[in-house]
N, C-alpha and C. Protein backbone atom coordinates (compact mmCIF):
# COMPACT_ATOMS: atom_id res chain seq x y z
N MET A 1 -13.65 10.92 5.30
CA MET A 1 -13.03 10.09 4.23
C MET A 1 -11.93 10.63 3.75
N ALA A 2 -10.74 10.03 3.30
CA ALA A 2 -9.57 10.87 2.28
C ALA A 2 -9.54 10.01 0.91
N SER A 3 -9.62 10.52 0.28
CA SER A 3 -9.21 9.69 -1.01
C SER A 3 -8.07 9.82 -1.68
N VAL A 4 -7.15 8.85 -1.86
CA VAL A 4 -5.79 8.94 -2.63
C VAL A 4 -6.11 8.82 -3.96
N ARG A 5 -5.87 9.76 -4.85
CA ARG A 5 -5.66 9.26 -6.32
C ARG A 5 -4.15 9.12 -6.72
N MET A 6 -4.08 8.61 -7.94
CA MET A 6 -3.07 8.32 -8.43
C MET A 6 -2.00 9.30 -8.34
N GLY A 7 -0.79 8.85 -7.75
CA GLY A 7 0.25 9.65 -7.51
C GLY A 7 0.69 10.43 -6.40
N GLU A 8 -0.57 10.16 -5.61
CA GLU A 8 -0.67 10.69 -4.37
C GLU A 8 -0.46 10.17 -3.03
N VAL A 9 0.01 10.78 -1.70
CA VAL A 9 0.32 10.26 -0.75
C VAL A 9 -0.48 11.02 0.66
N ALA A 10 -1.08 10.37 1.26
CA ALA A 10 -1.79 10.83 2.40
C ALA A 10 -1.38 10.17 3.84
N VAL A 11 -1.16 11.11 5.11
CA VAL A 11 -1.25 10.59 6.05
C VAL A 11 -1.91 11.35 7.42
N SER A 12 -2.66 10.60 8.11
CA SER A 12 -3.65 11.16 9.09
C SER A 12 -3.46 10.69 10.56
N ARG A 13 -3.76 11.43 11.52
CA ARG A 13 -3.84 11.20 12.92
C ARG A 13 -5.23 11.40 13.29
N ILE A 14 -6.22 11.22 12.63
CA ILE A 14 -7.59 11.72 13.05
C ILE A 14 -8.33 10.25 12.87
N PRO A 15 -8.74 9.85 14.40
CA PRO A 15 -9.21 8.49 14.73
C PRO A 15 -10.09 8.19 13.79
N SER A 16 -11.10 8.96 13.53
CA SER A 16 -12.45 8.53 12.48
C SER A 16 -12.16 8.58 11.14
N GLU A 17 -11.20 8.91 10.45
CA GLU A 17 -10.59 8.85 9.42
C GLU A 17 -10.52 7.77 8.73
N GLU A 18 -11.06 7.41 7.34
CA GLU A 18 -10.78 6.41 6.58
C GLU A 18 -10.17 7.20 5.51
N ILE A 19 -8.73 6.27 4.96
CA ILE A 19 -7.88 6.87 3.75
C ILE A 19 -8.37 5.59 2.83
N ILE A 20 -8.61 6.16 1.54
CA ILE A 20 -9.18 4.90 0.45
C ILE A 20 -8.39 5.17 -0.66
N ALA A 21 -7.90 4.36 -1.53
CA ALA A 21 -7.45 4.44 -2.84
C ALA A 21 -8.78 3.31 -3.33
N ILE A 22 -9.10 3.89 -4.77
CA ILE A 22 -10.08 3.11 -5.19
C ILE A 22 -9.60 3.07 -6.73
N GLY A 23 -10.00 1.64 -7.07
CA GLY A 23 -9.06 1.14 -8.41
C GLY A 23 -8.05 0.86 -8.58
N LEU A 24 -7.21 0.38 -7.71
CA LEU A 24 -5.87 -0.22 -7.88
C LEU A 24 -6.22 -1.23 -8.84
N GLY A 25 -5.13 -1.03 -10.17
CA GLY A 25 -5.00 -2.07 -11.03
C GLY A 25 -3.70 -2.70 -11.03
N SER A 26 -2.55 -2.16 -11.93
CA SER A 26 -1.45 -2.46 -11.56
C SER A 26 -0.89 -1.43 -10.62
N CYS A 27 -1.48 -0.06 -10.41
CA CYS A 27 -0.80 0.71 -9.28
C CYS A 27 -0.68 -0.40 -8.09
N ILE A 28 0.15 -0.19 -7.03
CA ILE A 28 0.48 -0.36 -5.54
C ILE A 28 -0.32 0.85 -4.54
N GLY A 29 -1.12 -0.09 -3.53
CA GLY A 29 -1.53 0.80 -2.56
C GLY A 29 -0.73 0.51 -1.63
N LEU A 30 0.12 1.41 -0.86
CA LEU A 30 0.86 0.93 -0.04
C LEU A 30 0.46 1.72 1.35
N ALA A 31 -0.08 0.62 2.31
CA ALA A 31 -0.77 1.52 3.72
C ALA A 31 0.22 1.23 4.63
N LEU A 32 0.77 2.04 5.63
CA LEU A 32 1.72 1.90 6.23
C LEU A 32 0.66 2.14 7.70
N ILE A 33 1.02 1.82 8.78
CA ILE A 33 0.22 2.11 10.10
C ILE A 33 1.19 1.99 11.26
N ASP A 34 1.17 2.60 12.40
CA ASP A 34 1.56 2.91 13.56
C ASP A 34 0.31 2.66 14.86
N ARG A 35 0.15 1.62 15.25
CA ARG A 35 -0.93 1.36 15.87
C ARG A 35 -0.59 2.12 17.29
N SER A 36 0.72 2.44 17.78
CA SER A 36 0.91 3.07 19.05
C SER A 36 0.92 4.77 18.73
N ALA A 37 1.48 5.05 17.75
CA ALA A 37 1.15 6.80 17.42
C ALA A 37 -0.21 6.93 16.91
N ARG A 38 -1.02 5.84 16.44
CA ARG A 38 -2.41 6.10 15.77
C ARG A 38 -2.22 6.97 14.65
N VAL A 39 -1.28 6.78 13.95
CA VAL A 39 -1.12 7.36 12.75
C VAL A 39 -0.98 6.35 11.35
N ALA A 40 -1.73 6.45 10.29
CA ALA A 40 -1.71 5.82 9.10
C ALA A 40 -1.51 6.39 7.85
N GLY A 41 -1.08 5.88 6.82
CA GLY A 41 -0.77 6.59 5.53
C GLY A 41 -0.85 5.69 4.68
N LEU A 42 -1.13 6.23 3.43
CA LEU A 42 -1.38 5.66 2.08
C LEU A 42 -0.82 6.12 0.93
N ALA A 43 -0.18 5.36 -0.02
CA ALA A 43 0.45 6.08 -1.12
C ALA A 43 -0.13 5.47 -2.26
N HIS A 44 -0.54 5.66 -3.34
CA HIS A 44 -1.32 5.43 -4.46
C HIS A 44 -0.20 5.48 -5.71
N ILE A 45 0.72 4.26 -5.83
CA ILE A 45 2.14 4.19 -6.51
C ILE A 45 1.69 3.83 -7.91
N VAL A 46 1.88 4.33 -8.80
CA VAL A 46 1.77 4.32 -10.30
C VAL A 46 2.73 3.33 -10.86
N LEU A 47 4.26 4.10 -11.02
CA LEU A 47 5.31 3.42 -11.61
C LEU A 47 6.41 2.74 -10.76
N PRO A 48 7.05 1.96 -11.01
CA PRO A 48 8.09 1.27 -10.16
C PRO A 48 9.25 2.20 -10.22
N ASP A 49 9.82 3.07 -10.86
CA ASP A 49 11.04 3.94 -10.73
C ASP A 49 10.91 5.14 -11.50
N SER A 50 11.33 6.49 -10.62
CA SER A 50 11.24 7.56 -11.89
C SER A 50 12.12 7.92 -12.35
N GLN A 51 13.33 7.19 -12.67
CA GLN A 51 14.17 7.26 -13.64
C GLN A 51 14.32 8.81 -13.99
N GLY A 52 14.88 9.82 -12.89
CA GLY A 52 14.72 11.11 -13.25
C GLY A 52 13.53 11.89 -13.73
N MET A 53 12.60 11.42 -13.79
CA MET A 53 11.35 11.91 -14.26
C MET A 53 11.03 12.84 -13.30
N ALA A 54 10.29 14.23 -13.66
CA ALA A 54 9.46 15.08 -12.80
C ALA A 54 8.26 14.46 -12.33
N GLY A 55 7.40 15.09 -11.40
CA GLY A 55 6.13 14.48 -11.24
C GLY A 55 6.03 14.46 -9.54
N PRO A 56 4.80 14.15 -8.94
CA PRO A 56 4.93 13.78 -7.50
C PRO A 56 5.69 12.74 -7.07
N ALA A 57 6.01 12.76 -5.85
CA ALA A 57 6.78 11.80 -5.50
C ALA A 57 5.90 10.37 -5.15
N GLY A 58 4.76 10.54 -5.28
CA GLY A 58 3.69 9.52 -4.70
C GLY A 58 3.52 8.61 -6.14
N LYS A 59 4.12 9.39 -7.22
CA LYS A 59 3.78 8.14 -8.56
C LYS A 59 4.76 7.51 -8.69
N PHE A 60 5.85 7.28 -8.06
CA PHE A 60 7.09 6.41 -8.43
C PHE A 60 7.16 5.58 -7.05
N ALA A 61 7.16 4.53 -7.39
CA ALA A 61 7.78 3.60 -5.75
C ALA A 61 9.14 3.72 -5.18
N ASP A 62 10.19 4.26 -6.17
CA ASP A 62 11.39 4.53 -5.50
C ASP A 62 11.36 6.01 -4.60
N ARG A 63 10.47 6.73 -4.77
CA ARG A 63 10.23 8.19 -4.25
C ARG A 63 9.04 8.31 -3.20
N ALA A 64 8.35 7.30 -3.66
CA ALA A 64 6.87 7.15 -2.81
C ALA A 64 6.94 6.99 -1.41
N VAL A 65 7.78 5.56 -1.56
CA VAL A 65 8.02 5.12 -0.19
C VAL A 65 8.84 5.75 0.55
N PRO A 66 9.68 6.67 0.39
CA PRO A 66 10.41 7.38 1.51
C PRO A 66 9.75 8.49 1.82
N GLU A 67 9.13 8.86 0.85
CA GLU A 67 8.21 9.99 1.11
C GLU A 67 6.98 9.67 2.13
N LEU A 68 6.35 8.58 1.80
CA LEU A 68 5.55 8.45 3.05
C LEU A 68 5.53 7.87 4.61
N VAL A 69 7.12 7.27 4.29
CA VAL A 69 7.63 7.08 5.80
C VAL A 69 7.87 8.34 6.55
N ALA A 70 8.56 9.30 5.53
CA ALA A 70 9.05 10.73 6.05
C ALA A 70 7.47 11.43 7.02
N GLN A 71 6.62 11.23 5.50
CA GLN A 71 4.77 11.99 6.58
C GLN A 71 4.64 11.24 7.66
N MET A 72 4.98 9.97 7.91
CA MET A 72 4.30 9.27 8.98
C MET A 72 5.31 9.55 9.75
N GLN A 73 6.59 9.91 9.89
CA GLN A 73 7.36 10.25 10.99
C GLN A 73 7.28 11.78 11.37
N ALA A 74 6.84 12.59 10.42
CA ALA A 74 6.64 13.93 10.89
C ALA A 74 5.26 14.04 11.47
N ALA A 75 4.19 12.71 11.56
CA ALA A 75 3.17 12.86 12.06
C ALA A 75 3.21 12.24 13.80
N GLY A 76 4.51 11.59 13.83
CA GLY A 76 4.46 11.14 15.01
C GLY A 76 4.72 9.47 15.19
N ALA A 77 4.93 8.89 13.73
CA ALA A 77 5.13 7.24 13.60
C ALA A 77 6.81 7.04 13.86
N SER A 78 7.00 5.77 14.37
CA SER A 78 8.44 5.04 14.31
C SER A 78 8.83 4.29 13.52
N ASN A 79 9.78 4.19 12.44
CA ASN A 79 9.76 3.36 11.70
C ASN A 79 9.82 2.00 12.30
N SER A 80 10.41 1.60 13.59
CA SER A 80 10.37 0.58 14.11
C SER A 80 8.99 -0.08 14.61
N ARG A 81 7.77 0.53 14.41
CA ARG A 81 6.61 0.16 15.04
C ARG A 81 5.57 0.12 13.44
N LEU A 82 5.90 0.36 12.35
CA LEU A 82 5.18 0.46 11.14
C LEU A 82 5.01 -0.78 10.61
N GLU A 83 3.90 -1.03 10.29
CA GLU A 83 3.27 -2.31 9.60
C GLU A 83 2.73 -1.90 8.04
N ALA A 84 3.17 -2.36 7.04
CA ALA A 84 3.49 -2.15 5.62
C ALA A 84 2.16 -3.21 5.20
N VAL A 85 1.32 -2.70 4.26
CA VAL A 85 0.13 -3.78 3.73
C VAL A 85 0.42 -3.43 2.12
N LEU A 86 0.77 -4.39 1.26
CA LEU A 86 0.51 -3.91 -0.20
C LEU A 86 -0.73 -4.39 -0.95
N VAL A 87 -1.12 -3.57 -1.63
CA VAL A 87 -2.59 -4.07 -2.41
C VAL A 87 -2.40 -3.33 -3.86
N GLY A 88 -2.91 -4.52 -4.60
CA GLY A 88 -2.70 -3.96 -5.93
C GLY A 88 -1.69 -4.88 -6.80
N GLY A 89 -1.01 -4.07 -7.95
CA GLY A 89 0.00 -5.05 -8.66
C GLY A 89 -0.70 -5.66 -9.42
N ALA A 90 -2.03 -5.67 -9.89
CA ALA A 90 -2.57 -6.94 -11.06
C ALA A 90 -2.04 -6.49 -12.35
N ARG A 91 -2.12 -7.53 -13.19
CA ARG A 91 -1.68 -7.60 -14.54
C ARG A 91 -3.17 -7.24 -15.23
N MET A 92 -3.37 -6.43 -15.64
CA MET A 92 -4.57 -6.00 -16.35
C MET A 92 -4.55 -6.07 -17.67
N PHE A 93 -3.48 -6.26 -18.39
CA PHE A 93 -3.57 -6.70 -19.72
C PHE A 93 -2.54 -7.46 -20.00
N ALA A 94 -2.93 -8.32 -20.97
CA ALA A 94 -1.97 -9.69 -21.46
C ALA A 94 -0.83 -9.13 -22.42
N LEU A 95 -0.11 -8.73 -21.85
CA LEU A 95 1.30 -8.18 -22.69
C LEU A 95 2.73 -8.77 -22.12
N GLY A 96 3.49 -8.46 -22.77
CA GLY A 96 4.60 -9.38 -22.48
C GLY A 96 5.01 -9.79 -21.09
N SER A 97 6.00 -10.45 -20.65
CA SER A 97 6.19 -10.56 -19.00
C SER A 97 6.85 -9.00 -18.55
N GLY A 98 7.80 -8.84 -19.60
CA GLY A 98 8.45 -7.91 -19.21
C GLY A 98 7.42 -6.30 -19.22
N LEU A 99 6.52 -6.34 -19.64
CA LEU A 99 5.61 -5.27 -19.42
C LEU A 99 4.59 -5.18 -18.15
N ASP A 100 4.66 -6.32 -17.52
CA ASP A 100 3.99 -6.53 -16.41
C ASP A 100 3.99 -5.48 -15.21
N ILE A 101 3.46 -4.34 -15.45
CA ILE A 101 4.25 -2.99 -14.74
C ILE A 101 3.43 -3.22 -13.04
N GLY A 102 2.03 -4.14 -12.78
CA GLY A 102 1.75 -4.59 -11.61
C GLY A 102 3.16 -5.42 -10.63
N ALA A 103 3.42 -6.26 -11.45
CA ALA A 103 4.70 -7.20 -10.98
C ALA A 103 5.98 -6.43 -10.72
N ARG A 104 6.32 -5.40 -11.44
CA ARG A 104 7.62 -4.51 -11.54
C ARG A 104 7.18 -3.51 -10.26
N ASN A 105 6.03 -3.10 -10.07
CA ASN A 105 5.48 -2.20 -9.27
C ASN A 105 6.02 -2.69 -7.66
N GLU A 106 5.58 -3.78 -7.38
CA GLU A 106 5.29 -4.78 -6.38
C GLU A 106 6.78 -4.82 -5.84
N ALA A 107 7.39 -5.22 -6.88
CA ALA A 107 9.04 -5.54 -6.63
C ALA A 107 9.76 -4.16 -6.03
N SER A 108 9.41 -3.35 -6.98
CA SER A 108 10.06 -2.19 -6.41
C SER A 108 9.51 -1.75 -4.79
N VAL A 109 8.30 -1.44 -4.58
CA VAL A 109 7.70 -1.17 -3.43
C VAL A 109 8.54 -2.06 -2.24
N ARG A 110 8.83 -3.31 -2.61
CA ARG A 110 9.03 -4.48 -1.44
C ARG A 110 10.54 -3.97 -1.45
N GLY A 111 11.24 -3.72 -2.42
CA GLY A 111 12.93 -3.54 -2.31
C GLY A 111 12.96 -2.12 -1.60
N ALA A 112 12.09 -1.01 -1.84
CA ALA A 112 12.23 0.28 -1.03
C ALA A 112 11.60 0.07 0.37
N LEU A 113 11.02 -0.80 0.62
CA LEU A 113 10.58 -1.19 2.09
C LEU A 113 11.99 -1.92 3.16
N ALA A 114 12.27 -3.13 2.07
CA ALA A 114 13.42 -3.89 2.77
C ALA A 114 14.44 -2.59 3.10
N ARG A 115 15.14 -1.90 1.97
CA ARG A 115 16.00 -0.84 2.53
C ARG A 115 15.53 -0.12 3.71
N LEU A 116 14.55 0.42 3.88
CA LEU A 116 14.27 0.74 4.97
C LEU A 116 14.19 0.02 6.37
N ARG A 117 14.12 -1.42 6.35
CA ARG A 117 13.99 -1.93 7.15
C ARG A 117 12.38 -2.11 7.90
N ILE A 118 11.44 -1.90 6.82
CA ILE A 118 10.13 -1.99 7.11
C ILE A 118 9.53 -3.45 6.77
N ARG A 119 8.63 -4.09 7.63
CA ARG A 119 8.34 -5.50 7.29
C ARG A 119 6.91 -5.48 6.70
N ILE A 120 6.58 -6.21 5.67
CA ILE A 120 5.38 -6.13 5.27
C ILE A 120 4.60 -7.26 6.01
N HIS A 121 3.34 -7.14 6.37
CA HIS A 121 2.72 -7.76 7.29
C HIS A 121 1.51 -8.31 6.65
N ALA A 122 1.08 -8.01 5.46
CA ALA A 122 0.09 -8.34 4.61
C ALA A 122 0.19 -7.96 2.89
N THR A 123 -0.15 -8.66 2.11
CA THR A 123 -0.31 -8.19 0.97
C THR A 123 -1.58 -8.89 0.28
N ALA A 124 -2.20 -8.01 -0.77
CA ALA A 124 -3.56 -8.74 -1.67
C ALA A 124 -2.74 -8.43 -3.14
N THR A 125 -2.12 -8.95 -3.50
CA THR A 125 -1.35 -8.33 -4.92
C THR A 125 -1.61 -9.65 -5.85
N GLY A 126 -1.49 -8.97 -7.18
CA GLY A 126 -1.21 -9.91 -8.34
C GLY A 126 -2.74 -10.11 -9.25
N GLY A 127 -2.92 -11.26 -9.54
CA GLY A 127 -4.16 -11.25 -10.31
C GLY A 127 -4.44 -10.38 -11.58
N ASN A 128 -5.84 -10.40 -12.15
CA ASN A 128 -6.15 -9.50 -12.94
C ASN A 128 -7.33 -8.68 -13.00
N ARG A 129 -7.54 -8.41 -11.56
CA ARG A 129 -8.75 -7.42 -11.13
C ARG A 129 -8.19 -6.62 -9.99
N GLY A 130 -8.90 -5.40 -10.53
CA GLY A 130 -8.51 -3.79 -9.56
C GLY A 130 -9.13 -4.32 -8.35
N ARG A 131 -8.71 -3.25 -7.24
CA ARG A 131 -9.21 -3.56 -5.93
C ARG A 131 -9.38 -2.03 -5.46
N THR A 132 -9.87 -1.79 -4.53
CA THR A 132 -10.05 -0.92 -3.44
C THR A 132 -9.49 -1.24 -2.01
N VAL A 133 -8.60 -0.08 -1.83
CA VAL A 133 -8.08 -0.52 -0.38
C VAL A 133 -8.89 0.87 0.67
N ARG A 134 -8.75 0.25 2.16
CA ARG A 134 -9.42 1.29 2.79
C ARG A 134 -8.73 1.32 4.17
N VAL A 135 -7.98 2.06 4.82
CA VAL A 135 -7.30 2.33 5.82
C VAL A 135 -8.16 3.17 7.05
N GLY A 136 -7.86 2.23 8.11
CA GLY A 136 -8.91 2.96 8.91
C GLY A 136 -7.85 3.50 10.14
N VAL A 137 -7.89 4.63 10.45
CA VAL A 137 -6.91 5.52 10.75
C VAL A 137 -6.68 5.15 12.66
N GLY A 138 -7.83 5.30 13.25
CA GLY A 138 -8.14 5.19 14.56
C GLY A 138 -7.90 3.63 15.08
N GLU A 139 -8.32 2.78 14.28
CA GLU A 139 -8.21 1.36 14.47
C GLU A 139 -7.10 0.65 13.89
N GLY A 140 -6.44 1.33 13.00
CA GLY A 140 -5.42 0.75 12.67
C GLY A 140 -5.46 -0.73 11.61
N THR A 141 -6.57 -0.30 10.89
CA THR A 141 -7.18 -1.50 10.23
C THR A 141 -6.91 -1.28 8.46
N VAL A 142 -6.53 -2.32 7.68
CA VAL A 142 -6.82 -2.22 6.21
C VAL A 142 -7.42 -3.35 5.89
N ASN A 143 -8.33 -3.13 4.97
CA ASN A 143 -9.59 -3.55 4.11
C ASN A 143 -9.20 -3.83 2.88
N VAL A 144 -9.28 -4.67 2.10
CA VAL A 144 -9.53 -4.85 0.53
C VAL A 144 -10.81 -5.26 -0.10
N GLN A 145 -10.72 -4.82 -0.96
CA GLN A 145 -12.13 -5.59 -1.74
C GLN A 145 -11.55 -5.62 -3.02
N GLU A 146 -12.10 -6.63 -3.82
CA GLU A 146 -11.53 -6.70 -4.81
C GLU A 146 -12.87 -6.74 -6.00
N ALA A 147 -12.43 -6.33 -7.26
CA ALA A 147 -13.96 -5.54 -8.15
C ALA A 147 -14.48 -6.85 -8.27
N GLY A 148 -16.03 -6.68 -7.83
CA GLY A 148 -16.96 -7.64 -7.74
C GLY A 148 -16.86 -8.83 -6.70
N GLY A 149 -16.03 -8.14 -5.70
CA GLY A 149 -15.79 -9.12 -4.49
C GLY A 149 -16.45 -8.77 -3.40
N GLU A 150 -16.26 -9.27 -2.16
CA GLU A 150 -16.36 -8.80 -0.94
C GLU A 150 -15.37 -8.34 -0.20
N ARG A 151 -15.62 -7.25 0.89
CA ARG A 151 -14.38 -6.87 1.42
C ARG A 151 -13.93 -7.87 2.32
N LYS A 152 -12.56 -7.89 2.80
CA LYS A 152 -11.69 -8.77 3.47
C LYS A 152 -10.71 -7.75 4.34
N VAL A 153 -10.47 -8.29 5.44
CA VAL A 153 -9.89 -7.44 6.52
C VAL A 153 -8.47 -8.06 6.22
N LEU A 154 -7.42 -7.54 5.90
CA LEU A 154 -5.91 -7.79 5.96
C LEU A 154 -5.09 -7.44 7.26
N LEU A 155 -5.38 -6.25 7.82
CA LEU A 155 -4.68 -5.67 8.86
C LEU A 155 -5.74 -5.26 9.89
N GLY A 156 -6.21 -5.76 11.10
CA GLY A 156 -6.89 -5.54 11.99
C GLY A 156 -6.74 -5.93 13.53
N ALA A 157 -7.78 -5.94 14.04
CA ALA A 157 -7.82 -6.50 15.56
C ALA A 157 -7.59 -7.98 15.25
N ARG A 158 -8.41 -8.55 14.21
CA ARG A 158 -8.26 -10.03 14.43
C ARG A 158 -7.03 -10.58 13.40
N THR A 159 -6.24 -9.59 12.72
CA THR A 159 -5.14 -10.11 11.96
C THR A 159 -4.01 -9.51 12.86
N ALA A 160 -3.84 -8.87 14.00
CA ALA A 160 -2.78 -8.39 14.79
C ALA A 160 -2.10 -9.81 15.18
N GLY A 161 -0.85 -9.56 14.68
CA GLY A 161 -0.04 -10.79 15.38
C GLY A 161 0.37 -11.48 14.20
N ARG A 162 -0.17 -11.83 13.39
CA ARG A 162 -0.29 -13.12 12.38
C ARG A 162 1.11 -12.79 11.64
N ALA A 163 1.77 -13.88 11.11
CA ALA A 163 2.87 -13.84 10.61
C ALA A 163 3.35 -12.81 9.38
N PRO A 164 4.51 -12.26 9.33
CA PRO A 164 4.60 -11.22 8.10
C PRO A 164 4.55 -11.62 6.79
N GLY A 165 3.88 -11.32 5.70
CA GLY A 165 3.53 -11.78 4.48
C GLY A 165 2.59 -12.70 4.06
N LEU A 166 1.53 -12.28 5.00
CA LEU A 166 0.23 -13.20 4.88
C LEU A 166 -0.28 -12.55 3.46
N ARG A 167 -0.96 -13.44 2.96
CA ARG A 167 -1.17 -13.43 1.43
C ARG A 167 -2.88 -13.13 1.45
N ALA A 168 -3.54 -12.69 0.60
CA ALA A 168 -4.91 -12.72 0.34
C ALA A 168 -5.16 -14.06 -0.87
N SER A 169 -5.95 -14.47 -0.69
CA SER A 169 -6.44 -15.60 -1.78
C SER A 169 -6.23 -15.09 -3.08
N GLY A 170 -5.50 -16.19 -4.05
CA GLY A 170 -5.39 -15.98 -5.51
C GLY A 170 -4.14 -14.61 -5.68
N ALA A 171 -3.50 -14.25 -4.86
CA ALA A 171 -2.37 -13.41 -4.76
C ALA A 171 -1.17 -14.27 -5.29
N ARG A 172 -0.07 -13.53 -5.96
CA ARG A 172 0.96 -14.06 -6.39
C ARG A 172 2.23 -13.89 -5.22
N ARG A 173 3.36 -14.68 -5.63
CA ARG A 173 4.42 -14.52 -4.38
C ARG A 173 5.33 -13.93 -5.23
């Protein structure tokens, strides 16, 4: 099991490995899967834009998405086969709408994926509860568990081929 902490990016080709990001509140967990190459990756994105700030690439959506894609390609993945799943982006505190970091994080990740022409296959975003995301490398699966809830499959054998943009219940558009 590989744990991805805030601002980190992890990529694996180890079939038995599971990559996990725990406690995603306003952060976005971006999972990328290439089932053919059996490569999976996960970024734990904290903020929407680096605005020239220093720090790990995985911390900022504008740098994390291209970094995760580059690491996936280096491990043998192809952009044309990547399946993206977004988890997190919750509104953890009742502040003004302009301060909804979760929504801003999600929008920034979506924009970066669109620029790279990577299709989003599933999301579990929004709401006001934290989530944990688990990426099964060999199986090419993505599961999410909301705080106090049950684990749900977002991408896996049973969800392959569903329409892009499938949303978990209670998720925002």
